[in-house]
Protein backbone atom coordinates (compact mmCIF):
# COMPACT_ATOMS: atom_id res chain seq x y z
CA MET A 1 74.12 23.64 5.17
CA ALA A 2 71.54 22.49 7.47
CA ARG A 3 67.88 22.54 8.74
CA ASP A 4 68.25 25.57 10.25
CA ASP A 5 65.81 26.33 13.56
CA GLU A 6 63.35 23.69 12.34
CA ALA A 7 62.06 20.13 12.80
CA THR A 8 61.93 17.99 9.75
CA ASP A 9 60.16 15.17 11.33
CA ARG A 10 58.01 17.77 12.46
CA ARG A 11 55.83 15.00 14.64
CA GLY A 12 58.64 13.62 17.25
CA ARG A 13 59.29 11.19 14.42
CA THR A 14 62.78 10.37 15.32
CA GLY A 15 64.05 7.20 12.87
CA ARG A 16 65.55 4.31 13.65
CA SER A 17 66.66 3.07 17.60
CA PRO A 18 68.09 3.15 19.69
CA ILE A 19 69.62 6.91 19.23
CA ARG A 20 72.53 7.05 20.65
CA THR A 21 73.61 10.84 22.18
CA CYS A 22 77.01 12.18 22.85
CA LEU A 23 78.52 15.90 23.92
CA ALA A 24 80.70 17.33 21.32
CA THR A 25 82.79 20.69 21.54
CA VAL A 26 83.49 23.04 18.91
CA VAL A 27 86.73 23.11 17.31
CA ARG A 28 86.19 25.37 14.59
CA SER A 29 83.86 27.81 13.08
CA VAL A 30 84.01 29.08 9.56
CA GLU A 31 82.12 31.42 7.56
CA VAL A 32 81.52 29.60 4.03
CA THR A 33 79.71 32.59 2.96
CA PRO A 34 78.40 35.98 3.98
CA ARG A 35 74.96 33.81 5.79
CA MET A 36 76.28 30.24 6.29
CA LEU A 37 78.58 29.42 9.07
CA ARG A 38 80.35 25.97 9.56
CA LEU A 39 80.65 24.66 12.85
CA THR A 40 83.08 21.70 13.35
CA LEU A 41 82.52 19.71 16.33
CA GLY A 42 85.07 17.27 17.80
CA GLY A 43 85.31 15.18 20.96
CA ASP A 44 85.85 11.96 22.49
CA GLY A 45 81.82 11.66 22.41
CA LEU A 46 81.95 11.02 18.57
CA ARG A 47 84.07 8.27 18.72
CA GLY A 48 81.80 5.33 16.65
CA PHE A 49 79.34 7.96 15.76
CA GLU A 50 77.83 6.61 12.81
CA GLY A 51 77.62 9.19 10.54
CA GLY A 52 79.03 10.15 7.07
CA ARG A 53 78.29 7.23 4.98
CA GLN A 54 75.05 8.44 3.45
CA ALA A 55 73.82 11.35 1.91
CA ASP A 56 71.27 13.62 3.39
CA GLU A 57 71.69 12.10 7.49
CA ARG A 58 70.51 14.20 10.25
CA VAL A 59 71.44 14.97 13.75
CA LYS A 60 69.26 16.22 16.41
CA LEU A 61 71.29 18.95 18.38
CA PHE A 62 70.80 19.90 21.74
CA PHE A 63 71.96 23.72 23.07
CA PRO A 64 72.81 24.48 26.78
CA SER A 65 70.67 26.80 28.04
CA LYS A 66 71.47 30.22 28.67
CA GLY A 67 74.17 30.37 31.09
CA GLU A 68 74.84 27.10 31.08
CA PRO A 69 77.94 25.24 30.27
CA ILE A 70 75.84 22.24 28.64
CA PRO A 71 73.06 20.67 27.70
CA VAL A 72 71.04 18.20 29.66
CA LEU A 73 70.88 15.20 27.36
CA PRO A 74 67.79 12.63 27.49
CA GLU A 75 67.74 9.00 27.21
CA PHE A 76 65.86 7.72 23.55
CA GLY A 77 62.90 5.40 24.49
CA PRO A 78 59.90 3.55 22.21
CA ASP A 79 57.94 7.31 23.35
CA GLY A 80 60.72 9.47 22.38
CA PRO A 81 63.29 11.94 24.62
CA VAL A 82 63.40 11.55 28.42
CA TYR A 83 64.92 13.78 30.56
CA PRO A 84 66.03 13.63 33.62
CA ALA A 85 63.75 13.81 36.66
CA GLY A 86 63.01 17.77 37.94
CA ALA A 87 65.31 18.59 34.30
CA THR A 88 64.54 21.61 32.08
CA PRO A 89 64.29 20.04 28.54
CA SER A 90 67.06 21.17 26.33
CA HIS A 91 66.32 23.56 23.28
CA ALA A 92 66.64 20.99 20.29
CA ARG A 93 66.97 21.12 16.59
CA ASN A 94 67.44 18.73 13.35
CA TYR A 95 70.18 19.61 11.62
CA THR A 96 71.78 17.98 8.35
CA VAL A 97 75.38 16.72 8.99
CA ARG A 98 77.54 18.11 6.20
CA ARG A 99 80.66 16.10 6.92
CA PHE A 100 81.74 13.33 9.38
CA ASP A 101 85.80 12.20 9.85
CA PRO A 102 85.82 9.23 11.99
CA ALA A 103 90.17 9.93 12.32
CA GLY A 104 89.48 13.22 13.92
CA PRO A 105 86.78 12.19 14.69
CA GLU A 106 85.35 15.44 13.51
CA LEU A 107 81.67 16.45 12.30
CA ASP A 108 80.48 19.90 10.32
CA ILE A 109 77.08 20.92 10.50
CA ASP A 110 76.80 24.26 8.35
CA PHE A 111 74.08 26.97 9.92
CA VAL A 112 72.31 29.44 8.10
CA ILE A 113 73.31 32.57 10.13
CA HIS A 114 69.97 34.79 9.54
CA GLY A 115 67.11 36.50 11.65
CA SER A 116 66.85 35.34 15.73
CA GLY A 117 66.40 32.12 17.54
CA ARG A 118 68.36 30.24 20.24
CA ALA A 119 70.53 27.65 17.93
CA VAL A 120 71.05 31.18 15.30
CA GLU A 121 72.54 33.02 18.42
CA TRP A 122 74.53 30.36 19.97
CA ALA A 123 76.25 29.35 16.68
CA ARG A 124 76.99 32.84 16.28
CA GLU A 125 78.46 32.93 19.39
CA ALA A 126 80.50 29.71 20.08
CA ARG A 127 84.19 29.63 20.14
CA PRO A 128 86.24 26.45 20.83
CA GLY A 129 85.41 24.73 23.48
CA ALA A 130 81.84 25.53 23.75
CA VAL A 131 79.78 22.07 24.42
CA LEU A 132 76.39 20.76 22.65
CA GLY A 133 74.54 17.28 22.19
CA ILE A 134 74.08 15.43 19.47
CA ALA A 135 71.72 12.43 19.18
CA GLY A 136 71.62 10.17 15.96
CA PRO A 137 72.70 10.30 12.88
CA ALA A 138 69.15 9.26 11.03
CA LEU A 139 69.01 9.16 7.71
CA GLY A 140 66.54 11.24 5.36
CA GLU A 141 64.56 10.49 2.74
CA LEU A 142 66.53 9.80 -0.62
CA PRO A 143 66.17 8.98 -4.38
CA PRO A 144 66.79 5.68 -5.22
CA ALA A 145 70.58 4.29 -6.04
CA ASP A 146 69.48 3.70 -9.58
CA ALA A 147 67.33 6.74 -10.50
CA GLY A 148 68.61 8.02 -13.53
CA GLN A 149 66.88 11.19 -13.59
CA LEU A 150 67.18 13.88 -10.53
CA LEU A 151 65.40 17.30 -9.91
CA ILE A 152 66.74 18.71 -6.89
CA ALA A 153 65.16 21.96 -5.35
CA GLY A 154 65.64 24.08 -2.00
CA ASP A 155 67.08 27.47 -0.34
CA GLU A 156 69.84 27.84 1.49
CA THR A 157 68.20 25.52 4.55
CA ALA A 158 68.63 22.76 2.19
CA LEU A 159 71.61 23.60 0.82
CA PRO A 160 73.86 20.80 2.92
CA ALA A 161 71.66 18.43 2.19
CA VAL A 162 72.06 18.64 -1.38
CA ALA A 163 75.60 18.67 -1.84
CA SER A 164 75.91 16.05 0.24
CA ILE A 165 73.51 14.02 -2.58
CA LEU A 166 75.21 15.49 -5.21
CA GLU A 167 78.85 14.11 -3.94
CA ARG A 168 77.26 10.52 -3.56
CA LEU A 169 75.21 10.29 -7.17
CA ALA A 170 75.57 7.35 -9.04
CA PRO A 171 77.60 7.19 -12.57
CA GLY A 172 75.37 8.08 -15.28
CA THR A 173 72.72 10.52 -12.76
CA ARG A 174 71.51 13.42 -14.84
CA ALA A 175 70.67 16.41 -12.27
CA HIS A 176 68.60 19.24 -12.40
CA VAL A 177 69.47 21.44 -9.15
CA PHE A 178 67.54 24.57 -8.24
CA VAL A 179 68.98 26.68 -5.49
CA GLU A 180 67.10 29.90 -3.93
CA VAL A 181 69.76 32.28 -1.85
CA ALA A 182 70.08 35.59 -0.20
CA ASP A 183 72.09 36.91 -3.30
CA ARG A 184 75.16 35.84 -5.52
CA HIS A 185 77.40 36.07 -2.76
CA GLU A 186 75.63 33.17 -1.10
CA GLU A 187 76.55 30.45 -3.81
CA GLN A 188 78.42 27.74 -3.24
CA HIS A 189 80.61 25.23 -4.99
CA LEU A 190 79.03 21.87 -5.34
CA ALA A 191 80.65 19.00 -6.41
CA ALA A 192 78.78 16.21 -8.05
CA ALA A 193 80.17 12.80 -8.24
CA PRO A 194 82.19 11.73 -11.68
CA ASP A 195 80.35 10.58 -14.44
CA THR A 196 77.54 12.29 -13.77
CA ASP A 197 75.68 15.63 -15.70
CA VAL A 198 74.80 17.96 -12.88
CA ARG A 199 73.32 20.86 -14.38
CA ILE A 200 72.88 24.34 -11.04
CA HIS A 201 70.53 27.03 -11.35
CA TRP A 202 70.89 29.28 -8.51
CA LEU A 203 68.26 31.60 -7.67
CA HIS A 204 69.18 35.21 -6.18
CA ARG A 205 66.21 37.03 -4.50
CA ASP A 206 68.10 40.26 -3.97
CA GLY A 207 66.56 41.83 -1.57
CA ALA A 208 62.72 41.06 -2.61
CA THR A 209 60.13 40.43 0.22
CA ASP A 210 57.21 40.30 -1.99
CA PRO A 211 55.57 36.86 -0.30
CA ASP A 212 53.63 36.29 -3.39
CA GLU A 213 57.30 36.09 -5.32
CA ASP A 214 58.48 32.96 -5.26
CA ARG A 215 61.68 32.44 -7.23
CA LEU A 216 62.41 28.71 -6.38
CA ALA A 217 58.79 27.64 -6.92
CA ASP A 218 58.43 29.50 -10.76
CA ALA A 219 62.08 28.04 -11.94
CA VAL A 220 60.64 24.51 -10.86
CA CYS A 221 57.14 25.03 -12.67
CA GLU A 222 58.82 26.78 -15.50
CA PHE A 223 61.88 24.13 -15.97
CA PRO A 224 61.06 21.86 -19.43
CA TRP A 225 60.44 18.77 -18.32
CA PRO A 226 62.42 15.71 -19.33
CA ASP A 227 61.20 12.18 -20.94
CA GLY A 228 61.42 8.95 -18.92
CA THR A 229 60.90 8.93 -15.33
CA VAL A 230 62.14 11.52 -13.10
CA HIS A 231 62.63 11.48 -8.90
CA ALA A 232 62.37 14.84 -7.32
CA TRP A 233 63.83 15.77 -3.72
CA VAL A 234 62.42 19.54 -2.69
CA ALA A 235 63.12 20.88 0.80
CA GLY A 236 62.66 24.31 2.38
CA GLU A 237 60.38 26.91 3.33
CA ALA A 238 57.10 25.11 3.82
CA LEU A 239 54.48 27.09 2.23
CA THR A 240 57.12 26.82 -1.15
CA VAL A 241 57.52 23.34 -0.74
CA ARG A 242 53.92 23.36 -0.24
CA THR A 243 53.42 24.24 -3.77
CA ILE A 244 56.07 22.76 -5.44
CA ARG A 245 54.62 19.37 -4.29
CA ARG A 246 51.40 19.86 -5.37
CA TYR A 247 52.77 20.93 -8.80
CA LEU A 248 54.87 17.39 -9.11
CA ARG A 249 51.96 15.71 -8.02
CA ASN A 250 49.24 16.84 -10.09
CA GLU A 251 50.56 18.42 -12.92
CA ARG A 252 53.78 15.70 -13.51
CA GLY A 253 52.45 12.75 -12.11
CA LEU A 254 55.21 12.05 -9.31
CA SER A 255 53.80 9.41 -6.55
CA ARG A 256 54.86 8.82 -3.56
CA HIS A 257 57.71 6.96 -4.63
CA THR A 258 59.04 9.32 -6.71
CA LEU A 259 58.88 12.31 -4.68
CA HIS A 260 59.80 13.67 -1.70
CA ALA A 261 59.40 16.97 0.08
CA ALA A 262 60.19 18.44 3.10
CA GLY A 263 59.33 22.23 5.20
CA TYR A 264 62.55 22.88 7.10
CA TRP A 265 60.91 26.35 8.16
CA ARG A 266 57.94 28.39 7.23
CA ARG A 267 58.04 32.01 7.02
CA GLY A 268 56.80 34.49 9.02
CA LYS A 269 56.35 31.92 12.12
CA THR A 270 58.99 30.72 14.88
CA VAL A 271 59.13 27.04 15.22
CA GLU A 272 57.14 26.59 17.74
CA GLU A 273 54.51 28.43 16.28
CA TRP A 274 55.06 26.51 12.96
CA LEU A 275 54.81 23.22 14.72
CA ALA A 276 51.39 23.86 16.60
CA GLU A 277 49.89 24.01 13.02
CA PRO A 278 47.89 21.40 11.92
CA GLU A 279 49.74 18.79 10.15
CA ASP A 280 49.90 19.27 5.66
CA THR A 281 48.65 16.16 4.61
CA ASP A 282 48.75 17.20 1.19
CA ARG A 283 51.98 14.81 0.67
């Protein structure tokens, strides 16, 4: 799916400039799994949208205020978003582009439907014709195209990015993929590009709530390390990502050039509380 109720560019790093904004309408809503909802967006505002060309693209979604039919969109300048004078800023979150079809045009965004939050609540209630705003796209950090061996790890919030990466792997790439989800009903079909060797390991929480249990981090740390250069891509819950990042940096010697690690959300905290914390500098 996507970057559920989180901000991957935690300190306002907005990517390329200028940033294009538009309004789009919900065309359809499909339950991918019991906890994953896919909204397909369309409308003339998406004509000229430059997404769907690369893996791990993200957009910022702007949600209408309660009782309002459409969100207020900002203009993006060198200092970030600027709203019209007197306007209340729209609730905004980053999400991954799951699919873009310029012929429609149609844009698929996956939402993890769990807990509460304005974006999740909006997605649950969204019906065809509902309107939201879009800014972007911006490209995430990807393993280099010639990376022959990949380690990919994430939870359900990382699944849309993981899926897009696997679909675009170069021939000959070998990848070990670890994905933590609630249970077996949350497993999705992940299609890999032709002529690649991809091993997918699903990890199930099955109702476990012990914060000391970290299946994803344990699986990565116990993974028999292959010979040669390995590039790693890790995303999901912030504390889990931190644990994995430190292991890969300290124990496996991965550098900034061979490791991308991004916290998408923080267990036990709202997005606002998490973003207010001092930034983790152990990267």
